Amino acid sequence: RRRTDGGRELLVFDHLGAPGAGTQ
């Protein structure tokens, strides 16, 4: 996580070239 002026955020990623893997 990180905190910004907009609130709390979570780090996620997507496999480029493998969209079926989903956001993780």
PDBML (XML) file of the C-alpha atoms, coordinates in Angstrom:
<?xml version="1.0" encoding="UTF-8" ?>
<PDBx:datablock datablockName="MODEL"
   xmlns:PDBx="http://pdbml.pdb.org/schema/pdbx-v50.xsd"
   xmlns:xsi="http://www.w3.org/2001/XMLSchema-instance"
   xsi:schemaLocation="http://pdbml.pdb.org/schema/pdbx-v50.xsd pdbx-v50.xsd">
   <PDBx:atom_siteCategory>
      <PDBx:atom_site id="1">
         <PDBx:B_iso_or_equiv>0.00</PDBx:B_iso_or_equiv>
         <PDBx:Cartn_x>0.000</PDBx:Cartn_x>
         <PDBx:Cartn_y>0.000</PDBx:Cartn_y>
         <PDBx:Cartn_z>0.000</PDBx:Cartn_z>
         <PDBx:auth_asym_id>A</PDBx:auth_asym_id>
         <PDBx:auth_atom_id>CA</PDBx:auth_atom_id>
         <PDBx:auth_comp_id>ARG</PDBx:auth_comp_id>
         <PDBx:auth_seq_id>1</PDBx:auth_seq_id>
         <PDBx:group_PDB>ATOM</PDBx:group_PDB>
         <PDBx:label_alt_id xsi:nil="true" />
         <PDBx:label_asym_id>A</PDBx:label_asym_id>
         <PDBx:label_atom_id>CA</PDBx:label_atom_id>
         <PDBx:label_comp_id>ARG</PDBx:label_comp_id>
         <PDBx:label_entity_id>1</PDBx:label_entity_id>
         <PDBx:label_seq_id>1</PDBx:label_seq_id>
         <PDBx:occupancy>1.00</PDBx:occupancy>
         <PDBx:pdbx_PDB_model_num>1</PDBx:pdbx_PDB_model_num>
         <PDBx:type_symbol>C</PDBx:type_symbol>
      </PDBx:atom_site>
      <PDBx:atom_site id="2">
         <PDBx:B_iso_or_equiv>0.00</PDBx:B_iso_or_equiv>
         <PDBx:Cartn_x>0.824</PDBx:Cartn_x>
         <PDBx:Cartn_y>3.642</PDBx:Cartn_y>
         <PDBx:Cartn_z>-0.123</PDBx:Cartn_z>
         <PDBx:auth_asym_id>A</PDBx:auth_asym_id>
         <PDBx:auth_atom_id>CA</PDBx:auth_atom_id>
         <PDBx:auth_comp_id>ARG</PDBx:auth_comp_id>
         <PDBx:auth_seq_id>2</PDBx:auth_seq_id>
         <PDBx:group_PDB>ATOM</PDBx:group_PDB>
         <PDBx:label_alt_id xsi:nil="true" />
         <PDBx:label_asym_id>A</PDBx:label_asym_id>
         <PDBx:label_atom_id>CA</PDBx:label_atom_id>
         <PDBx:label_comp_id>ARG</PDBx:label_comp_id>
         <PDBx:label_entity_id>1</PDBx:label_entity_id>
         <PDBx:label_seq_id>2</PDBx:label_seq_id>
         <PDBx:occupancy>1.00</PDBx:occupancy>
         <PDBx:pdbx_PDB_model_num>1</PDBx:pdbx_PDB_model_num>
         <PDBx:type_symbol>C</PDBx:type_symbol>
      </PDBx:atom_site>
      <PDBx:atom_site id="3">
         <PDBx:B_iso_or_equiv>0.00</PDBx:B_iso_or_equiv>
         <PDBx:Cartn_x>-0.999</PDBx:Cartn_x>
         <PDBx:Cartn_y>6.688</PDBx:Cartn_y>
         <PDBx:Cartn_z>1.147</PDBx:Cartn_z>
         <PDBx:auth_asym_id>A</PDBx:auth_asym_id>
         <PDBx:auth_atom_id>CA</PDBx:auth_atom_id>
         <PDBx:auth_comp_id>ARG</PDBx:auth_comp_id>
         <PDBx:auth_seq_id>3</PDBx:auth_seq_id>
         <PDBx:group_PDB>ATOM</PDBx:group_PDB>
         <PDBx:label_alt_id xsi:nil="true" />
         <PDBx:label_asym_id>A</PDBx:label_asym_id>
         <PDBx:label_atom_id>CA</PDBx:label_atom_id>
         <PDBx:label_comp_id>ARG</PDBx:label_comp_id>
         <PDBx:label_entity_id>1</PDBx:label_entity_id>
         <PDBx:label_seq_id>3</PDBx:label_seq_id>
         <PDBx:occupancy>1.00</PDBx:occupancy>
         <PDBx:pdbx_PDB_model_num>1</PDBx:pdbx_PDB_model_num>
         <PDBx:type_symbol>C</PDBx:type_symbol>
      </PDBx:atom_site>
      <PDBx:atom_site id="4">
         <PDBx:B_iso_or_equiv>0.00</PDBx:B_iso_or_equiv>
         <PDBx:Cartn_x>-1.666</PDBx:Cartn_x>
         <PDBx:Cartn_y>9.703</PDBx:Cartn_y>
         <PDBx:Cartn_z>-1.020</PDBx:Cartn_z>
         <PDBx:auth_asym_id>A</PDBx:auth_asym_id>
         <PDBx:auth_atom_id>CA</PDBx:auth_atom_id>
         <PDBx:auth_comp_id>THR</PDBx:auth_comp_id>
         <PDBx:auth_seq_id>4</PDBx:auth_seq_id>
         <PDBx:group_PDB>ATOM</PDBx:group_PDB>
         <PDBx:label_alt_id xsi:nil="true" />
         <PDBx:label_asym_id>A</PDBx:label_asym_id>
         <PDBx:label_atom_id>CA</PDBx:label_atom_id>
         <PDBx:label_comp_id>THR</PDBx:label_comp_id>
         <PDBx:label_entity_id>1</PDBx:label_entity_id>
         <PDBx:label_seq_id>4</PDBx:label_seq_id>
         <PDBx:occupancy>1.00</PDBx:occupancy>
         <PDBx:pdbx_PDB_model_num>1</PDBx:pdbx_PDB_model_num>
         <PDBx:type_symbol>C</PDBx:type_symbol>
      </PDBx:atom_site>
      <PDBx:atom_site id="5">
         <PDBx:B_iso_or_equiv>0.00</PDBx:B_iso_or_equiv>
         <PDBx:Cartn_x>-3.767</PDBx:Cartn_x>
         <PDBx:Cartn_y>12.828</PDBx:Cartn_y>
         <PDBx:Cartn_z>-0.668</PDBx:Cartn_z>
         <PDBx:auth_asym_id>A</PDBx:auth_asym_id>
         <PDBx:auth_atom_id>CA</PDBx:auth_atom_id>
         <PDBx:auth_comp_id>ASP</PDBx:auth_comp_id>
         <PDBx:auth_seq_id>5</PDBx:auth_seq_id>
         <PDBx:group_PDB>ATOM</PDBx:group_PDB>
         <PDBx:label_alt_id xsi:nil="true" />
         <PDBx:label_asym_id>A</PDBx:label_asym_id>
         <PDBx:label_atom_id>CA</PDBx:label_atom_id>
         <PDBx:label_comp_id>ASP</PDBx:label_comp_id>
         <PDBx:label_entity_id>1</PDBx:label_entity_id>
         <PDBx:label_seq_id>5</PDBx:label_seq_id>
         <PDBx:occupancy>1.00</PDBx:occupancy>
         <PDBx:pdbx_PDB_model_num>1</PDBx:pdbx_PDB_model_num>
         <PDBx:type_symbol>C</PDBx:type_symbol>
      </PDBx:atom_site>
      <PDBx:atom_site id="6">
         <PDBx:B_iso_or_equiv>0.00</PDBx:B_iso_or_equiv>
         <PDBx:Cartn_x>-6.556</PDBx:Cartn_x>
         <PDBx:Cartn_y>10.778</PDBx:Cartn_y>
         <PDBx:Cartn_z>-2.274</PDBx:Cartn_z>
         <PDBx:auth_asym_id>A</PDBx:auth_asym_id>
         <PDBx:auth_atom_id>CA</PDBx:auth_atom_id>
         <PDBx:auth_comp_id>GLY</PDBx:auth_comp_id>
         <PDBx:auth_seq_id>6</PDBx:auth_seq_id>
         <PDBx:group_PDB>ATOM</PDBx:group_PDB>
         <PDBx:label_alt_id xsi:nil="true" />
         <PDBx:label_asym_id>A</PDBx:label_asym_id>
         <PDBx:label_atom_id>CA</PDBx:label_atom_id>
         <PDBx:label_comp_id>GLY</PDBx:label_comp_id>
         <PDBx:label_entity_id>1</PDBx:label_entity_id>
         <PDBx:label_seq_id>6</PDBx:label_seq_id>
         <PDBx:occupancy>1.00</PDBx:occupancy>
         <PDBx:pdbx_PDB_model_num>1</PDBx:pdbx_PDB_model_num>
         <PDBx:type_symbol>C</PDBx:type_symbol>
      </PDBx:atom_site>
      <PDBx:atom_site id="7">
         <PDBx:B_iso_or_equiv>0.00</PDBx:B_iso_or_equiv>
         <PDBx:Cartn_x>-6.384</PDBx:Cartn_x>
         <PDBx:Cartn_y>8.023</PDBx:Cartn_y>
         <PDBx:Cartn_z>0.366</PDBx:Cartn_z>
         <PDBx:auth_asym_id>A</PDBx:auth_asym_id>
         <PDBx:auth_atom_id>CA</PDBx:auth_atom_id>
         <PDBx:auth_comp_id>GLY</PDBx:auth_comp_id>
         <PDBx:auth_seq_id>7</PDBx:auth_seq_id>
         <PDBx:group_PDB>ATOM</PDBx:group_PDB>
         <PDBx:label_alt_id xsi:nil="true" />
         <PDBx:label_asym_id>A</PDBx:label_asym_id>
         <PDBx:label_atom_id>CA</PDBx:label_atom_id>
         <PDBx:label_comp_id>GLY</PDBx:label_comp_id>
         <PDBx:label_entity_id>1</PDBx:label_entity_id>
         <PDBx:label_seq_id>7</PDBx:label_seq_id>
         <PDBx:occupancy>1.00</PDBx:occupancy>
         <PDBx:pdbx_PDB_model_num>1</PDBx:pdbx_PDB_model_num>
         <PDBx:type_symbol>C</PDBx:type_symbol>
      </PDBx:atom_site>
      <PDBx:atom_site id="8">
         <PDBx:B_iso_or_equiv>0.00</PDBx:B_iso_or_equiv>
         <PDBx:Cartn_x>-4.965</PDBx:Cartn_x>
         <PDBx:Cartn_y>4.513</PDBx:Cartn_y>
         <PDBx:Cartn_z>0.514</PDBx:Cartn_z>
         <PDBx:auth_asym_id>A</PDBx:auth_asym_id>
         <PDBx:auth_atom_id>CA</PDBx:auth_atom_id>
         <PDBx:auth_comp_id>ARG</PDBx:auth_comp_id>
         <PDBx:auth_seq_id>8</PDBx:auth_seq_id>
         <PDBx:group_PDB>ATOM</PDBx:group_PDB>
         <PDBx:label_alt_id xsi:nil="true" />
         <PDBx:label_asym_id>A</PDBx:label_asym_id>
         <PDBx:label_atom_id>CA</PDBx:label_atom_id>
         <PDBx:label_comp_id>ARG</PDBx:label_comp_id>
         <PDBx:label_entity_id>1</PDBx:label_entity_id>
         <PDBx:label_seq_id>8</PDBx:label_seq_id>
         <PDBx:occupancy>1.00</PDBx:occupancy>
         <PDBx:pdbx_PDB_model_num>1</PDBx:pdbx_PDB_model_num>
         <PDBx:type_symbol>C</PDBx:type_symbol>
      </PDBx:atom_site>
      <PDBx:atom_site id="9">
         <PDBx:B_iso_or_equiv>0.00</PDBx:B_iso_or_equiv>
         <PDBx:Cartn_x>-3.832</PDBx:Cartn_x>
         <PDBx:Cartn_y>2.680</PDBx:Cartn_y>
         <PDBx:Cartn_z>-2.611</PDBx:Cartn_z>
         <PDBx:auth_asym_id>A</PDBx:auth_asym_id>
         <PDBx:auth_atom_id>CA</PDBx:auth_atom_id>
         <PDBx:auth_comp_id>GLU</PDBx:auth_comp_id>
         <PDBx:auth_seq_id>9</PDBx:auth_seq_id>
         <PDBx:group_PDB>ATOM</PDBx:group_PDB>
         <PDBx:label_alt_id xsi:nil="true" />
         <PDBx:label_asym_id>A</PDBx:label_asym_id>
         <PDBx:label_atom_id>CA</PDBx:label_atom_id>
         <PDBx:label_comp_id>GLU</PDBx:label_comp_id>
         <PDBx:label_entity_id>1</PDBx:label_entity_id>
         <PDBx:label_seq_id>9</PDBx:label_seq_id>
         <PDBx:occupancy>1.00</PDBx:occupancy>
         <PDBx:pdbx_PDB_model_num>1</PDBx:pdbx_PDB_model_num>
         <PDBx:type_symbol>C</PDBx:type_symbol>
      </PDBx:atom_site>
      <PDBx:atom_site id="10">
         <PDBx:B_iso_or_equiv>0.00</PDBx:B_iso_or_equiv>
         <PDBx:Cartn_x>-2.826</PDBx:Cartn_x>
         <PDBx:Cartn_y>-0.905</PDBx:Cartn_y>
         <PDBx:Cartn_z>-3.393</PDBx:Cartn_z>
         <PDBx:auth_asym_id>A</PDBx:auth_asym_id>
         <PDBx:auth_atom_id>CA</PDBx:auth_atom_id>
         <PDBx:auth_comp_id>LEU</PDBx:auth_comp_id>
         <PDBx:auth_seq_id>10</PDBx:auth_seq_id>
         <PDBx:group_PDB>ATOM</PDBx:group_PDB>
         <PDBx:label_alt_id xsi:nil="true" />
         <PDBx:label_asym_id>A</PDBx:label_asym_id>
         <PDBx:label_atom_id>CA</PDBx:label_atom_id>
         <PDBx:label_comp_id>LEU</PDBx:label_comp_id>
         <PDBx:label_entity_id>1</PDBx:label_entity_id>
         <PDBx:label_seq_id>10</PDBx:label_seq_id>
         <PDBx:occupancy>1.00</PDBx:occupancy>
         <PDBx:pdbx_PDB_model_num>1</PDBx:pdbx_PDB_model_num>
         <PDBx:type_symbol>C</PDBx:type_symbol>
      </PDBx:atom_site>
      <PDBx:atom_site id="11">
         <PDBx:B_iso_or_equiv>0.00</PDBx:B_iso_or_equiv>
         <PDBx:Cartn_x>-0.061</PDBx:Cartn_x>
         <PDBx:Cartn_y>-2.013</PDBx:Cartn_y>
         <PDBx:Cartn_z>-5.770</PDBx:Cartn_z>
         <PDBx:auth_asym_id>A</PDBx:auth_asym_id>
         <PDBx:auth_atom_id>CA</PDBx:auth_atom_id>
         <PDBx:auth_comp_id>LEU</PDBx:auth_comp_id>
         <PDBx:auth_seq_id>11</PDBx:auth_seq_id>
         <PDBx:group_PDB>ATOM</PDBx:group_PDB>
         <PDBx:label_alt_id xsi:nil="true" />
         <PDBx:label_asym_id>A</PDBx:label_asym_id>
         <PDBx:label_atom_id>CA</PDBx:label_atom_id>
         <PDBx:label_comp_id>LEU</PDBx:label_comp_id>
         <PDBx:label_entity_id>1</PDBx:label_entity_id>
         <PDBx:label_seq_id>11</PDBx:label_seq_id>
         <PDBx:occupancy>1.00</PDBx:occupancy>
         <PDBx:pdbx_PDB_model_num>1</PDBx:pdbx_PDB_model_num>
         <PDBx:type_symbol>C</PDBx:type_symbol>
      </PDBx:atom_site>
      <PDBx:atom_site id="12">
         <PDBx:B_iso_or_equiv>0.00</PDBx:B_iso_or_equiv>
         <PDBx:Cartn_x>-1.394</PDBx:Cartn_x>
         <PDBx:Cartn_y>-4.387</PDBx:Cartn_y>
         <PDBx:Cartn_z>-8.435</PDBx:Cartn_z>
         <PDBx:auth_asym_id>A</PDBx:auth_asym_id>
         <PDBx:auth_atom_id>CA</PDBx:auth_atom_id>
         <PDBx:auth_comp_id>VAL</PDBx:auth_comp_id>
         <PDBx:auth_seq_id>12</PDBx:auth_seq_id>
         <PDBx:group_PDB>ATOM</PDBx:group_PDB>
         <PDBx:label_alt_id xsi:nil="true" />
         <PDBx:label_asym_id>A</PDBx:label_asym_id>
         <PDBx:label_atom_id>CA</PDBx:label_atom_id>
         <PDBx:label_comp_id>VAL</PDBx:label_comp_id>
         <PDBx:label_entity_id>1</PDBx:label_entity_id>
         <PDBx:label_seq_id>12</PDBx:label_seq_id>
         <PDBx:occupancy>1.00</PDBx:occupancy>
         <PDBx:pdbx_PDB_model_num>1</PDBx:pdbx_PDB_model_num>
         <PDBx:type_symbol>C</PDBx:type_symbol>
      </PDBx:atom_site>
      <PDBx:atom_site id="13">
         <PDBx:B_iso_or_equiv>0.00</PDBx:B_iso_or_equiv>
         <PDBx:Cartn_x>-0.089</PDBx:Cartn_x>
         <PDBx:Cartn_y>-5.666</PDBx:Cartn_y>
         <PDBx:Cartn_z>-11.752</PDBx:Cartn_z>
         <PDBx:auth_asym_id>A</PDBx:auth_asym_id>
         <PDBx:auth_atom_id>CA</PDBx:auth_atom_id>
         <PDBx:auth_comp_id>PHE</PDBx:auth_comp_id>
         <PDBx:auth_seq_id>13</PDBx:auth_seq_id>
         <PDBx:group_PDB>ATOM</PDBx:group_PDB>
         <PDBx:label_alt_id xsi:nil="true" />
         <PDBx:label_asym_id>A</PDBx:label_asym_id>
         <PDBx:label_atom_id>CA</PDBx:label_atom_id>
         <PDBx:label_comp_id>PHE</PDBx:label_comp_id>
         <PDBx:label_entity_id>1</PDBx:label_entity_id>
         <PDBx:label_seq_id>13</PDBx:label_seq_id>
         <PDBx:occupancy>1.00</PDBx:occupancy>
         <PDBx:pdbx_PDB_model_num>1</PDBx:pdbx_PDB_model_num>
         <PDBx:type_symbol>C</PDBx:type_symbol>
      </PDBx:atom_site>
      <PDBx:atom_site id="14">
         <PDBx:B_iso_or_equiv>0.00</PDBx:B_iso_or_equiv>
         <PDBx:Cartn_x>-1.259</PDBx:Cartn_x>
         <PDBx:Cartn_y>-7.334</PDBx:Cartn_y>
         <PDBx:Cartn_z>-14.938</PDBx:Cartn_z>
         <PDBx:auth_asym_id>A</PDBx:auth_asym_id>
         <PDBx:auth_atom_id>CA</PDBx:auth_atom_id>
         <PDBx:auth_comp_id>ASP</PDBx:auth_comp_id>
         <PDBx:auth_seq_id>14</PDBx:auth_seq_id>
         <PDBx:group_PDB>ATOM</PDBx:group_PDB>
         <PDBx:label_alt_id xsi:nil="true" />
         <PDBx:label_asym_id>A</PDBx:label_asym_id>
         <PDBx:label_atom_id>CA</PDBx:label_atom_id>
         <PDBx:label_comp_id>ASP</PDBx:label_comp_id>
         <PDBx:label_entity_id>1</PDBx:label_entity_id>
         <PDBx:label_seq_id>14</PDBx:label_seq_id>
         <PDBx:occupancy>1.00</PDBx:occupancy>
         <PDBx:pdbx_PDB_model_num>1</PDBx:pdbx_PDB_model_num>
         <PDBx:type_symbol>C</PDBx:type_symbol>
      </PDBx:atom_site>
      <PDBx:atom_site id="15">
         <PDBx:B_iso_or_equiv>0.00</PDBx:B_iso_or_equiv>
         <PDBx:Cartn_x>0.743</PDBx:Cartn_x>
         <PDBx:Cartn_y>-9.796</PDBx:Cartn_y>
         <PDBx:Cartn_z>-17.044</PDBx:Cartn_z>
         <PDBx:auth_asym_id>A</PDBx:auth_asym_id>
         <PDBx:auth_atom_id>CA</PDBx:auth_atom_id>
         <PDBx:auth_comp_id>HIS</PDBx:auth_comp_id>
         <PDBx:auth_seq_id>15</PDBx:auth_seq_id>
         <PDBx:group_PDB>ATOM</PDBx:group_PDB>
         <PDBx:label_alt_id xsi:nil="true" />
         <PDBx:label_asym_id>A</PDBx:label_asym_id>
         <PDBx:label_atom_id>CA</PDBx:label_atom_id>
         <PDBx:label_comp_id>HIS</PDBx:label_comp_id>
         <PDBx:label_entity_id>1</PDBx:label_entity_id>
         <PDBx:label_seq_id>15</PDBx:label_seq_id>
         <PDBx:occupancy>1.00</PDBx:occupancy>
         <PDBx:pdbx_PDB_model_num>1</PDBx:pdbx_PDB_model_num>
         <PDBx:type_symbol>C</PDBx:type_symbol>
      </PDBx:atom_site>
      <PDBx:atom_site id="16">
         <PDBx:B_iso_or_equiv>0.00</PDBx:B_iso_or_equiv>
         <PDBx:Cartn_x>1.385</PDBx:Cartn_x>
         <PDBx:Cartn_y>-7.952</PDBx:Cartn_y>
         <PDBx:Cartn_z>-20.298</PDBx:Cartn_z>
         <PDBx:auth_asym_id>A</PDBx:auth_asym_id>
         <PDBx:auth_atom_id>CA</PDBx:auth_atom_id>
         <PDBx:auth_comp_id>LEU</PDBx:auth_comp_id>
         <PDBx:auth_seq_id>16</PDBx:auth_seq_id>
         <PDBx:group_PDB>ATOM</PDBx:group_PDB>
         <PDBx:label_alt_id xsi:nil="true" />
         <PDBx:label_asym_id>A</PDBx:label_asym_id>
         <PDBx:label_atom_id>CA</PDBx:label_atom_id>
         <PDBx:label_comp_id>LEU</PDBx:label_comp_id>
         <PDBx:label_entity_id>1</PDBx:label_entity_id>
         <PDBx:label_seq_id>16</PDBx:label_seq_id>
         <PDBx:occupancy>1.00</PDBx:occupancy>
         <PDBx:pdbx_PDB_model_num>1</PDBx:pdbx_PDB_model_num>
         <PDBx:type_symbol>C</PDBx:type_symbol>
      </PDBx:atom_site>
      <PDBx:atom_site id="17">
         <PDBx:B_iso_or_equiv>0.00</PDBx:B_iso_or_equiv>
         <PDBx:Cartn_x>0.577</PDBx:Cartn_x>
         <PDBx:Cartn_y>-10.353</PDBx:Cartn_y>
         <PDBx:Cartn_z>-23.102</PDBx:Cartn_z>
         <PDBx:auth_asym_id>A</PDBx:auth_asym_id>
         <PDBx:auth_atom_id>CA</PDBx:auth_atom_id>
         <PDBx:auth_comp_id>GLY</PDBx:auth_comp_id>
         <PDBx:auth_seq_id>17</PDBx:auth_seq_id>
         <PDBx:group_PDB>ATOM</PDBx:group_PDB>
         <PDBx:label_alt_id xsi:nil="true" />
         <PDBx:label_asym_id>A</PDBx:label_asym_id>
         <PDBx:label_atom_id>CA</PDBx:label_atom_id>
         <PDBx:label_comp_id>GLY</PDBx:label_comp_id>
         <PDBx:label_entity_id>1</PDBx:label_entity_id>
         <PDBx:label_seq_id>17</PDBx:label_seq_id>
         <PDBx:occupancy>1.00</PDBx:occupancy>
         <PDBx:pdbx_PDB_model_num>1</PDBx:pdbx_PDB_model_num>
         <PDBx:type_symbol>C</PDBx:type_symbol>
      </PDBx:atom_site>
      <PDBx:atom_site id="18">
         <PDBx:B_iso_or_equiv>0.00</PDBx:B_iso_or_equiv>
         <PDBx:Cartn_x>-1.496</PDBx:Cartn_x>
         <PDBx:Cartn_y>-12.646</PDBx:Cartn_y>
         <PDBx:Cartn_z>-20.827</PDBx:Cartn_z>
         <PDBx:auth_asym_id>A</PDBx:auth_asym_id>
         <PDBx:auth_atom_id>CA</PDBx:auth_atom_id>
         <PDBx:auth_comp_id>ALA</PDBx:auth_comp_id>
         <PDBx:auth_seq_id>18</PDBx:auth_seq_id>
         <PDBx:group_PDB>ATOM</PDBx:group_PDB>
         <PDBx:label_alt_id xsi:nil="true" />
         <PDBx:label_asym_id>A</PDBx:label_asym_id>
         <PDBx:label_atom_id>CA</PDBx:label_atom_id>
         <PDBx:label_comp_id>ALA</PDBx:label_comp_id>
         <PDBx:label_entity_id>1</PDBx:label_entity_id>
         <PDBx:label_seq_id>18</PDBx:label_seq_id>
         <PDBx:occupancy>1.00</PDBx:occupancy>
         <PDBx:pdbx_PDB_model_num>1</PDBx:pdbx_PDB_model_num>
         <PDBx:type_symbol>C</PDBx:type_symbol>
      </PDBx:atom_site>
      <PDBx:atom_site id="19">
         <PDBx:B_iso_or_equiv>0.00</PDBx:B_iso_or_equiv>
         <PDBx:Cartn_x>-4.734</PDBx:Cartn_x>
         <PDBx:Cartn_y>-10.785</PDBx:Cartn_y>
         <PDBx:Cartn_z>-20.006</PDBx:Cartn_z>
         <PDBx:auth_asym_id>A</PDBx:auth_asym_id>
         <PDBx:auth_atom_id>CA</PDBx:auth_atom_id>
         <PDBx:auth_comp_id>PRO</PDBx:auth_comp_id>
         <PDBx:auth_seq_id>19</PDBx:auth_seq_id>
         <PDBx:group_PDB>ATOM</PDBx:group_PDB>
         <PDBx:label_alt_id xsi:nil="true" />
         <PDBx:label_asym_id>A</PDBx:label_asym_id>
         <PDBx:label_atom_id>CA</PDBx:label_atom_id>
         <PDBx:label_comp_id>PRO</PDBx:label_comp_id>
         <PDBx:label_entity_id>1</PDBx:label_entity_id>
         <PDBx:label_seq_id>19</PDBx:label_seq_id>
         <PDBx:occupancy>1.00</PDBx:occupancy>
         <PDBx:pdbx_PDB_model_num>1</PDBx:pdbx_PDB_model_num>
         <PDBx:type_symbol>C</PDBx:type_symbol>
      </PDBx:atom_site>
      <PDBx:atom_site id="20">
         <PDBx:B_iso_or_equiv>0.00</PDBx:B_iso_or_equiv>
         <PDBx:Cartn_x>-6.401</PDBx:Cartn_x>
         <PDBx:Cartn_y>-14.008</PDBx:Cartn_y>
         <PDBx:Cartn_z>-18.824</PDBx:Cartn_z>
         <PDBx:auth_asym_id>A</PDBx:auth_asym_id>
         <PDBx:auth_atom_id>CA</PDBx:auth_atom_id>
         <PDBx:auth_comp_id>GLY</PDBx:auth_comp_id>
         <PDBx:auth_seq_id>20</PDBx:auth_seq_id>
         <PDBx:group_PDB>ATOM</PDBx:group_PDB>
         <PDBx:label_alt_id xsi:nil="true" />
         <PDBx:label_asym_id>A</PDBx:label_asym_id>
         <PDBx:label_atom_id>CA</PDBx:label_atom_id>
         <PDBx:label_comp_id>GLY</PDBx:label_comp_id>
         <PDBx:label_entity_id>1</PDBx:label_entity_id>
         <PDBx:label_seq_id>20</PDBx:label_seq_id>
         <PDBx:occupancy>1.00</PDBx:occupancy>
         <PDBx:pdbx_PDB_model_num>1</PDBx:pdbx_PDB_model_num>
         <PDBx:type_symbol>C</PDBx:type_symbol>
      </PDBx:atom_site>
      <PDBx:atom_site id="21">
         <PDBx:B_iso_or_equiv>0.00</PDBx:B_iso_or_equiv>
         <PDBx:Cartn_x>-4.084</PDBx:Cartn_x>
         <PDBx:Cartn_y>-14.093</PDBx:Cartn_y>
         <PDBx:Cartn_z>-15.797</PDBx:Cartn_z>
         <PDBx:auth_asym_id>A</PDBx:auth_asym_id>
         <PDBx:auth_atom_id>CA</PDBx:auth_atom_id>
         <PDBx:auth_comp_id>ALA</PDBx:auth_comp_id>
         <PDBx:auth_seq_id>21</PDBx:auth_seq_id>
         <PDBx:group_PDB>ATOM</PDBx:group_PDB>
         <PDBx:label_alt_id xsi:nil="true" />
         <PDBx:label_asym_id>A</PDBx:label_asym_id>
         <PDBx:label_atom_id>CA</PDBx:label_atom_id>
         <PDBx:label_comp_id>ALA</PDBx:label_comp_id>
         <PDBx:label_entity_id>1</PDBx:label_entity_id>
         <PDBx:label_seq_id>21</PDBx:label_seq_id>
         <PDBx:occupancy>1.00</PDBx:occupancy>
         <PDBx:pdbx_PDB_model_num>1</PDBx:pdbx_PDB_model_num>
         <PDBx:type_symbol>C</PDBx:type_symbol>
      </PDBx:atom_site>
      <PDBx:atom_site id="22">
         <PDBx:B_iso_or_equiv>0.00</PDBx:B_iso_or_equiv>
         <PDBx:Cartn_x>-6.094</PDBx:Cartn_x>
         <PDBx:Cartn_y>-11.313</PDBx:Cartn_y>
         <PDBx:Cartn_z>-14.163</PDBx:Cartn_z>
         <PDBx:auth_asym_id>A</PDBx:auth_asym_id>
         <PDBx:auth_atom_id>CA</PDBx:auth_atom_id>
         <PDBx:auth_comp_id>GLY</PDBx:auth_comp_id>
         <PDBx:auth_seq_id>22</PDBx:auth_seq_id>
         <PDBx:group_PDB>ATOM</PDBx:group_PDB>
         <PDBx:label_alt_id xsi:nil="true" />
         <PDBx:label_asym_id>A</PDBx:label_asym_id>
         <PDBx:label_atom_id>CA</PDBx:label_atom_id>
         <PDBx:label_comp_id>GLY</PDBx:label_comp_id>
         <PDBx:label_entity_id>1</PDBx:label_entity_id>
         <PDBx:label_seq_id>22</PDBx:label_seq_id>
         <PDBx:occupancy>1.00</PDBx:occupancy>
         <PDBx:pdbx_PDB_model_num>1</PDBx:pdbx_PDB_model_num>
         <PDBx:type_symbol>C</PDBx:type_symbol>
      </PDBx:atom_site>
      <PDBx:atom_site id="23">
         <PDBx:B_iso_or_equiv>0.00</PDBx:B_iso_or_equiv>
         <PDBx:Cartn_x>-4.998</PDBx:Cartn_x>
         <PDBx:Cartn_y>-8.454</PDBx:Cartn_y>
         <PDBx:Cartn_z>-11.966</PDBx:Cartn_z>
         <PDBx:auth_asym_id>A</PDBx:auth_asym_id>
         <PDBx:auth_atom_id>CA</PDBx:auth_atom_id>
         <PDBx:auth_comp_id>THR</PDBx:auth_comp_id>
         <PDBx:auth_seq_id>23</PDBx:auth_seq_id>
         <PDBx:group_PDB>ATOM</PDBx:group_PDB>
         <PDBx:label_alt_id xsi:nil="true" />
         <PDBx:label_asym_id>A</PDBx:label_asym_id>
         <PDBx:label_atom_id>CA</PDBx:label_atom_id>
         <PDBx:label_comp_id>THR</PDBx:label_comp_id>
         <PDBx:label_entity_id>1</PDBx:label_entity_id>
         <PDBx:label_seq_id>23</PDBx:label_seq_id>
         <PDBx:occupancy>1.00</PDBx:occupancy>
         <PDBx:pdbx_PDB_model_num>1</PDBx:pdbx_PDB_model_num>
         <PDBx:type_symbol>C</PDBx:type_symbol>
      </PDBx:atom_site>
      <PDBx:atom_site id="24">
         <PDBx:B_iso_or_equiv>0.00</PDBx:B_iso_or_equiv>
         <PDBx:Cartn_x>-2.761</PDBx:Cartn_x>
         <PDBx:Cartn_y>-9.591</PDBx:Cartn_y>
         <PDBx:Cartn_z>-9.115</PDBx:Cartn_z>
         <PDBx:auth_asym_id>A</PDBx:auth_asym_id>
         <PDBx:auth_atom_id>CA</PDBx:auth_atom_id>
         <PDBx:auth_comp_id>GLN</PDBx:auth_comp_id>
         <PDBx:auth_seq_id>24</PDBx:auth_seq_id>
         <PDBx:group_PDB>ATOM</PDBx:group_PDB>
         <PDBx:label_alt_id xsi:nil="true" />
         <PDBx:label_asym_id>A</PDBx:label_asym_id>
         <PDBx:label_atom_id>CA</PDBx:label_atom_id>
         <PDBx:label_comp_id>GLN</PDBx:label_comp_id>
         <PDBx:label_entity_id>1</PDBx:label_entity_id>
         <PDBx:label_seq_id>24</PDBx:label_seq_id>
         <PDBx:occupancy>1.00</PDBx:occupancy>
         <PDBx:pdbx_PDB_model_num>1</PDBx:pdbx_PDB_model_num>
         <PDBx:type_symbol>C</PDBx:type_symbol>
      </PDBx:atom_site>
   </PDBx:atom_siteCategory>
</PDBx:datablock>
